Amino acid sequence: MKTNSFEISFELVGQQLGQDIYSDQGILLLKKGITLTETHIVLLHNYKFGTQVEIIAPTRSNDKLNVKMQKLYDENLAEIKDLFQNISLNDSPPIKELINAYQPLIDQAIDHTDSINYLHGIKDYDEYTYRHSINVGMISAVIGKLLGRTTKEISLLGQMGLLHDIGKTMVSPEILNKPGKLDKDEWEEIKRHTIYGYKILKEVPDLNIHIPASALLHHERIDGSGYPNQVKEKDLPFLVQILSVADTYDAISTERIYQAKKPDFVGINILVEEAYNNKLNPAIVFPFVRYLMRQYLRKQVTLNTGDHGEIIFIHDDEPHQPLIVTNDEYIDLRKNRKLQLFDVVKEHA
């Protein structure tokens, strides 16, 4: 395994440590192979200030990884599109075959969690329902990994996400793709997709009970304000709560026929707000937000004031309010609640 030496800096966040780090007393502080976080960098600064550390060189290029991911993604998109377009309540759909075909994509997302970053660069709202289903499965699996769930649960989360919106096949395309505001009756029909999905999936033999449950419950909220049955946290399976976070984030972050893609940090801020308002589980939201925010470390960003800055530190307790530097001034967003991250400064801009 090849390693290279690098000066200790926050630019190493997300890299794998290539050596064991010991204190002066011989106590193991960081183990070789660990993925570095901001906290690890601070620790390294304290114990090895002014020196370099070994970092494991990546064994494959992101370009090759993205090509493989894109191939798997396109194959799954074609399969789920075919399934959704030909499904009916009277016939048993080939769910198991779809799940088996989807598993390699979930495996890639689990092994390379940063691979979900390019999902929201796809602009094709005509296929939103199909892409959303694939995206939510991948994101749910990644969140499961971040939370330390078992391999079986992580795989199940992927399957739950893939099939959570299958009930939309029973909703009129005119309603699903309506560019304007839905009227009351149309909105009530949209909400019934949760019940339709449950009815479809509960008839599939030997299917894990979490999969039809996720179709029914993914719009419920832990305070009982969701739909269709206003179920509260104690009656919501934890894996479904994970799926709800993934579903909410992807729905906000993806372009649709009636909604342009929102700026990068809008989805993150909405997740945090939903956690603070007891809609989504904070124990799920904040680890996921930490993961998302670490993708933006050392990136140029804009604030809601229009000012530009660079993210230089992500706080574990409030990752959505990082430390930034702008015009040689350090600003801790935790200490100024009126300031919020808005978007990333695009490299081509």
Protein backbone atom coordinates (compact mmCIF):
# COMPACT_ATOMS: atom_id res chain seq x y z
CA MET A 1 0.00 0.00 0.00
CA LYS A 2 1.65 3.20 -1.18
CA THR A 3 1.86 6.24 1.10
CA ASN A 4 2.99 9.84 0.62
CA SER A 5 4.12 12.44 3.15
CA PHE A 6 2.05 15.60 3.62
CA GLU A 7 2.24 18.62 5.87
CA ILE A 8 -0.44 18.50 8.55
CA SER A 9 -3.37 20.71 7.49
CA PHE A 10 -7.12 20.61 7.25
CA GLU A 11 -6.75 19.75 3.58
CA LEU A 12 -6.04 16.19 4.78
CA VAL A 13 -9.60 15.77 6.08
CA GLY A 14 -11.15 12.76 4.37
CA GLN A 15 -7.77 11.15 3.62
CA GLN A 16 -6.60 7.85 5.13
CA LEU A 17 -3.76 7.97 7.64
CA GLY A 18 -0.78 5.89 6.52
CA GLN A 19 0.90 5.41 9.91
CA ASP A 20 0.09 4.82 13.57
CA ILE A 21 0.41 7.97 15.70
CA TYR A 22 1.65 7.60 19.29
CA SER A 23 1.93 10.06 22.17
CA ASP A 24 5.23 10.72 23.93
CA GLN A 25 4.13 8.14 26.52
CA GLY A 26 3.67 5.49 23.82
CA ILE A 27 -0.13 5.59 23.80
CA LEU A 28 -1.73 4.91 20.43
CA LEU A 29 -3.62 8.07 19.45
CA LEU A 30 -4.60 7.39 15.85
CA LYS A 31 -4.50 4.07 14.06
CA LYS A 32 -3.17 3.59 10.55
CA GLY A 33 -5.99 3.51 7.98
CA ILE A 34 -8.37 5.82 9.86
CA THR A 35 -10.19 8.42 7.77
CA LEU A 36 -9.11 11.81 9.08
CA THR A 37 -11.62 14.35 10.44
CA GLU A 38 -11.08 17.92 11.61
CA THR A 39 -10.71 16.66 15.21
CA HIS A 40 -7.94 14.29 14.11
CA ILE A 41 -6.12 17.17 12.41
CA VAL A 42 -6.21 19.21 15.63
CA LEU A 43 -4.82 16.20 17.49
CA LEU A 44 -2.05 15.79 14.92
CA HIS A 45 -1.19 19.48 15.22
CA ASN A 46 -0.84 19.08 18.99
CA TYR A 47 1.41 16.03 18.86
CA LYS A 48 3.30 16.43 15.60
CA PHE A 49 3.29 20.19 15.04
CA GLY A 50 5.60 21.27 12.23
CA THR A 51 6.10 17.77 10.85
CA GLN A 52 4.55 15.65 8.15
CA VAL A 53 2.43 12.51 8.28
CA GLU A 54 2.02 9.59 5.94
CA ILE A 55 -1.20 9.44 3.92
CA ILE A 56 -2.36 6.37 2.02
CA ALA A 57 -2.39 7.08 -1.71
CA PRO A 58 -5.74 6.32 -3.38
CA THR A 59 -5.67 3.11 -5.40
CA ARG A 60 -8.10 4.24 -8.06
CA SER A 61 -8.95 7.52 -9.70
CA ASN A 62 -12.23 9.30 -9.11
CA ASP A 63 -12.70 9.43 -12.87
CA LYS A 64 -12.64 5.64 -13.14
CA LEU A 65 -14.90 5.32 -10.11
CA ASN A 66 -17.41 7.78 -11.55
CA VAL A 67 -17.45 5.98 -14.89
CA LYS A 68 -18.26 2.71 -13.13
CA MET A 69 -20.86 4.39 -10.94
CA GLN A 70 -22.46 6.08 -13.93
CA LYS A 71 -22.69 2.77 -15.82
CA LEU A 72 -24.35 1.04 -12.86
CA TYR A 73 -26.61 4.05 -12.30
CA ASP A 74 -27.79 4.13 -15.92
CA GLU A 75 -28.46 0.38 -15.91
CA ASN A 76 -30.53 0.66 -12.73
CA LEU A 77 -32.36 3.71 -14.07
CA ALA A 78 -33.48 1.74 -17.11
CA GLU A 79 -34.64 -1.19 -14.96
CA ILE A 80 -36.57 0.82 -12.40
CA LYS A 81 -38.15 2.91 -15.16
CA ASP A 82 -39.32 -0.26 -16.90
CA LEU A 83 -40.69 -1.68 -13.64
CA PHE A 84 -42.50 1.51 -12.61
CA GLN A 85 -44.05 2.01 -16.04
CA ASN A 86 -45.43 -1.53 -16.23
CA ILE A 87 -46.56 -2.10 -12.67
CA SER A 88 -50.16 -2.69 -11.58
CA LEU A 89 -51.92 -3.58 -8.36
CA ASN A 90 -53.14 -6.83 -9.92
CA ASP A 91 -49.81 -8.37 -10.85
CA SER A 92 -46.87 -9.31 -8.64
CA PRO A 93 -43.99 -7.09 -9.86
CA PRO A 94 -40.45 -8.51 -10.30
CA ILE A 95 -39.21 -6.69 -7.18
CA LYS A 96 -36.59 -9.28 -6.24
CA GLU A 97 -34.93 -9.05 -9.65
CA LEU A 98 -34.75 -5.26 -9.38
CA ILE A 99 -33.26 -5.48 -5.87
CA ASN A 100 -30.59 -7.92 -7.04
CA ALA A 101 -29.66 -5.66 -9.96
CA TYR A 102 -29.46 -2.64 -7.63
CA GLN A 103 -27.13 -4.21 -5.06
CA PRO A 104 -23.85 -3.55 -6.95
CA LEU A 105 -24.67 0.18 -7.04
CA ILE A 106 -25.38 0.16 -3.30
CA ASP A 107 -22.08 -1.66 -2.72
CA GLN A 108 -20.24 1.06 -4.62
CA ALA A 109 -21.99 3.81 -2.64
CA ILE A 110 -21.06 2.09 0.64
CA ASP A 111 -17.42 1.55 -0.35
CA HIS A 112 -17.04 5.09 -1.73
CA THR A 113 -19.37 7.33 0.26
CA ASP A 114 -18.17 10.43 -1.58
CA SER A 115 -19.59 8.98 -4.81
CA ILE A 116 -23.06 10.31 -3.99
CA ASN A 117 -21.75 13.86 -4.42
CA TYR A 118 -22.34 13.90 -8.17
CA LEU A 119 -25.94 12.62 -7.98
CA HIS A 120 -27.43 16.10 -7.83
CA GLY A 121 -25.51 17.34 -10.84
CA ILE A 122 -27.91 15.40 -13.04
CA LYS A 123 -30.57 17.63 -14.60
CA ASP A 124 -33.39 15.52 -15.99
CA TYR A 125 -36.67 16.26 -14.28
CA ASP A 126 -38.62 14.12 -16.78
CA GLU A 127 -37.14 11.09 -14.98
CA TYR A 128 -37.25 12.58 -11.49
CA THR A 129 -39.26 9.79 -9.84
CA TYR A 130 -36.89 7.10 -11.11
CA ARG A 131 -33.70 9.00 -10.28
CA HIS A 132 -35.08 10.03 -6.90
CA SER A 133 -35.72 6.39 -6.02
CA ILE A 134 -32.16 5.38 -6.90
CA ASN A 135 -30.68 8.41 -5.14
CA VAL A 136 -32.62 7.89 -1.92
CA GLY A 137 -31.51 4.27 -1.76
CA MET A 138 -27.86 5.25 -2.17
CA ILE A 139 -28.09 8.12 0.33
CA SER A 140 -29.95 5.97 2.87
CA ALA A 141 -27.24 3.30 2.65
CA VAL A 142 -24.51 5.90 3.14
CA ILE A 143 -26.29 7.31 6.21
CA GLY A 144 -26.60 3.77 7.55
CA LYS A 145 -22.85 3.34 7.18
CA LEU A 146 -22.18 6.69 8.88
CA LEU A 147 -24.33 5.57 11.82
CA GLY A 148 -22.53 2.24 12.15
CA ARG A 149 -25.49 0.04 11.20
CA THR A 150 -24.88 -3.59 10.24
CA THR A 151 -24.06 -4.61 6.68
CA LYS A 152 -27.48 -6.29 6.44
CA GLU A 153 -29.26 -3.12 7.58
CA ILE A 154 -27.26 -0.93 5.20
CA SER A 155 -28.21 -3.15 2.27
CA LEU A 156 -31.83 -3.11 3.43
CA LEU A 157 -31.79 0.69 3.59
CA GLY A 158 -30.76 0.76 -0.06
CA GLN A 159 -33.67 -1.48 -0.98
CA MET A 160 -36.11 0.60 1.07
CA GLY A 161 -35.00 3.76 -0.69
CA LEU A 162 -35.21 2.19 -4.12
CA LEU A 163 -38.84 1.19 -3.60
CA HIS A 164 -40.19 3.85 -1.22
CA ASP A 165 -41.97 5.82 -3.97
CA ILE A 166 -43.31 2.86 -5.95
CA GLY A 167 -46.84 3.99 -5.06
CA LYS A 168 -46.43 6.97 -7.38
CA THR A 169 -46.99 4.55 -10.26
CA MET A 170 -50.66 4.61 -9.22
CA VAL A 171 -50.86 8.42 -9.33
CA SER A 172 -51.77 10.20 -12.56
CA PRO A 173 -48.71 11.52 -14.44
CA GLU A 174 -50.62 14.76 -14.99
CA ILE A 175 -50.64 15.31 -11.23
CA LEU A 176 -47.06 14.12 -10.66
CA ASN A 177 -45.68 16.35 -13.41
CA LYS A 178 -47.93 19.37 -12.95
CA PRO A 179 -45.69 22.46 -13.20
CA GLY A 180 -47.97 24.68 -11.12
CA LYS A 181 -49.38 24.49 -7.62
CA LEU A 182 -51.52 21.44 -6.80
CA ASP A 183 -55.11 21.97 -5.72
CA LYS A 184 -56.49 20.30 -2.58
CA ASP A 185 -57.76 17.17 -4.33
CA GLU A 186 -54.52 16.74 -6.28
CA TRP A 187 -52.46 17.06 -3.11
CA GLU A 188 -54.62 14.46 -1.36
CA GLU A 189 -54.05 12.10 -4.29
CA ILE A 190 -50.28 12.67 -4.13
CA LYS A 191 -50.32 11.77 -0.44
CA ARG A 192 -52.05 8.47 -1.23
CA HIS A 193 -48.87 7.24 -2.96
CA THR A 194 -47.73 6.06 0.47
CA ILE A 195 -50.78 3.80 0.80
CA TYR A 196 -50.58 2.62 -2.81
CA GLY A 197 -46.93 1.69 -2.33
CA TYR A 198 -47.67 -0.25 0.82
CA LYS A 199 -50.43 -2.21 -0.94
CA ILE A 200 -48.12 -3.10 -3.84
CA LEU A 201 -45.17 -4.17 -1.69
CA LYS A 202 -46.99 -6.07 1.04
CA GLU A 203 -48.14 -8.58 -1.58
CA VAL A 204 -44.57 -9.43 -2.67
CA PRO A 205 -43.63 -12.81 -1.14
CA ASP A 206 -40.71 -12.99 1.31
CA LEU A 207 -40.03 -9.26 1.19
CA ASN A 208 -38.51 -7.73 4.33
CA ILE A 209 -41.31 -6.03 6.29
CA HIS A 210 -39.31 -2.78 6.45
CA ILE A 211 -39.71 -2.31 2.68
CA PRO A 212 -43.52 -1.97 2.55
CA ALA A 213 -43.36 -0.08 5.88
CA SER A 214 -40.96 2.45 4.35
CA ALA A 215 -43.35 3.06 1.44
CA LEU A 216 -46.15 3.77 3.92
CA LEU A 217 -44.24 5.73 6.54
CA HIS A 218 -41.51 7.78 4.81
CA HIS A 219 -43.55 11.01 5.02
CA GLU A 220 -44.38 10.57 8.70
CA ARG A 221 -42.54 12.83 11.15
CA ILE A 222 -41.36 12.06 14.67
CA ASP A 223 -43.67 14.73 16.17
CA GLY A 224 -46.73 13.16 14.49
CA SER A 225 -47.17 15.94 11.91
CA GLY A 226 -46.61 13.77 8.82
CA TYR A 227 -48.89 11.66 6.65
CA PRO A 228 -50.83 9.45 6.04
CA ASN A 229 -51.46 8.43 9.68
CA GLN A 230 -49.66 11.02 11.86
CA VAL A 231 -47.43 8.31 13.37
CA LYS A 232 -45.01 9.49 16.09
CA GLU A 233 -41.38 8.55 16.75
CA LYS A 234 -42.05 5.62 19.09
CA ASP A 235 -43.98 3.86 16.32
CA LEU A 236 -41.57 4.74 13.49
CA PRO A 237 -38.83 2.15 12.80
CA PHE A 238 -35.39 3.75 13.06
CA LEU A 239 -34.48 2.59 9.54
CA VAL A 240 -37.57 4.39 8.19
CA GLN A 241 -36.45 7.53 10.03
CA ILE A 242 -33.10 7.25 8.21
CA LEU A 243 -34.95 6.91 4.90
CA SER A 244 -37.03 10.02 5.68
CA VAL A 245 -33.86 12.09 6.09
CA ALA A 246 -32.44 10.81 2.78
CA ASP A 247 -35.77 11.38 1.02
CA THR A 248 -36.08 14.94 2.33
CA TYR A 249 -32.52 15.86 1.36
CA ASP A 250 -32.73 14.48 -2.17
CA ALA A 251 -36.16 16.04 -2.79
CA ILE A 252 -34.78 19.47 -1.82
CA SER A 253 -31.52 19.10 -3.71
CA THR A 254 -32.76 17.74 -7.03
CA GLU A 255 -34.16 19.63 -10.01
CA ARG A 256 -37.82 18.91 -10.78
CA ILE A 257 -40.31 20.14 -13.35
CA TYR A 258 -41.76 22.62 -10.84
CA GLN A 259 -38.58 23.30 -8.87
CA ALA A 260 -35.10 24.36 -9.92
CA LYS A 261 -32.15 22.86 -8.11
CA LYS A 262 -31.64 24.81 -4.93
CA PRO A 263 -28.22 26.20 -3.84
CA ASP A 264 -25.98 23.63 -2.13
CA PHE A 265 -26.54 24.65 1.47
CA VAL A 266 -30.30 25.16 1.33
CA GLY A 267 -30.95 21.44 1.68
CA ILE A 268 -28.53 21.18 4.59
CA ASN A 269 -30.11 24.14 6.40
CA ILE A 270 -33.59 22.68 5.90
CA LEU A 271 -32.51 19.32 7.34
CA VAL A 272 -31.13 21.09 10.41
CA GLU A 273 -34.29 23.16 10.78
CA GLU A 274 -36.43 20.00 10.54
CA ALA A 275 -34.29 18.41 13.27
CA TYR A 276 -34.59 21.46 15.54
CA ASN A 277 -38.37 21.47 14.96
CA ASN A 278 -38.66 17.80 15.96
CA LYS A 279 -39.69 16.67 12.48
CA LEU A 280 -36.60 14.59 11.65
CA ASN A 281 -34.43 12.69 14.13
CA PRO A 282 -31.38 14.81 15.15
CA ALA A 283 -29.40 11.63 15.86
CA ILE A 284 -29.64 10.92 12.13
CA VAL A 285 -29.58 14.44 10.72
CA PHE A 286 -26.42 15.75 12.38
CA PRO A 287 -24.05 12.87 11.49
CA PHE A 288 -25.31 13.15 7.91
CA VAL A 289 -24.88 16.94 7.90
CA ARG A 290 -21.32 16.53 9.26
CA TYR A 291 -20.61 14.16 6.38
CA LEU A 292 -22.09 16.58 3.83
CA MET A 293 -20.27 19.60 5.24
CA ARG A 294 -16.88 17.86 5.16
CA GLN A 295 -17.21 17.70 1.39
CA TYR A 296 -17.03 21.52 1.40
CA LEU A 297 -13.95 21.95 3.59
CA ARG A 298 -11.51 24.41 1.95
CA LYS A 299 -14.18 25.39 -0.59
CA GLN A 300 -15.09 28.96 -1.49
CA VAL A 301 -18.67 29.72 -0.46
CA THR A 302 -21.17 32.56 -0.45
CA LEU A 303 -23.15 33.65 2.59
CA ASN A 304 -26.75 34.85 2.70
CA THR A 305 -25.29 38.37 2.80
CA GLY A 306 -23.58 37.84 -0.55
CA ASP A 307 -20.09 37.85 1.02
CA HIS A 308 -17.57 35.19 -0.01
CA GLY A 309 -15.42 33.08 2.29
CA GLU A 310 -13.58 29.78 2.68
CA ILE A 311 -14.68 27.01 5.05
CA ILE A 312 -11.72 26.05 7.21
CA PHE A 313 -13.24 24.12 10.14
CA ILE A 314 -16.39 22.05 10.70
CA HIS A 315 -17.72 21.94 14.26
CA ASP A 316 -18.97 18.53 15.39
CA ASP A 317 -21.88 19.94 17.38
CA GLU A 318 -23.10 22.45 14.77
CA PRO A 319 -21.57 21.38 11.47
CA HIS A 320 -23.85 23.66 9.44
CA GLN A 321 -22.30 26.71 11.16
CA PRO A 322 -18.58 26.29 10.37
CA LEU A 323 -15.58 28.55 10.86
CA ILE A 324 -14.85 30.51 7.70
CA VAL A 325 -12.24 33.02 6.68
CA THR A 326 -13.14 36.03 4.55
CA ASN A 327 -10.90 38.99 3.75
CA ASP A 328 -8.36 37.71 6.33
CA GLU A 329 -11.09 37.76 8.99
CA TYR A 330 -12.13 34.59 10.81
CA ILE A 331 -15.88 34.24 11.32
CA ASP A 332 -17.43 31.56 13.51
CA LEU A 333 -20.99 31.24 12.21
CA ARG A 334 -22.08 29.77 15.56
CA LYS A 335 -21.59 33.21 17.07
CA ASN A 336 -23.60 35.11 14.46
CA ARG A 337 -26.93 33.37 13.85
CA LYS A 338 -27.95 35.87 11.21
CA LEU A 339 -25.21 34.56 8.91
CA GLN A 340 -25.80 31.36 6.98
CA LEU A 341 -24.04 29.50 4.22
CA PHE A 342 -25.86 29.87 0.92
CA ASP A 343 -23.98 28.31 -1.98
CA VAL A 344 -20.62 27.10 -3.24
CA VAL A 345 -18.64 29.33 -5.56
CA LYS A 346 -18.56 27.29 -8.73
CA GLU A 347 -15.10 26.83 -10.23
CA HIS A 348 -16.21 27.88 -13.71
CA ALA A 349 -17.85 31.04 -12.39
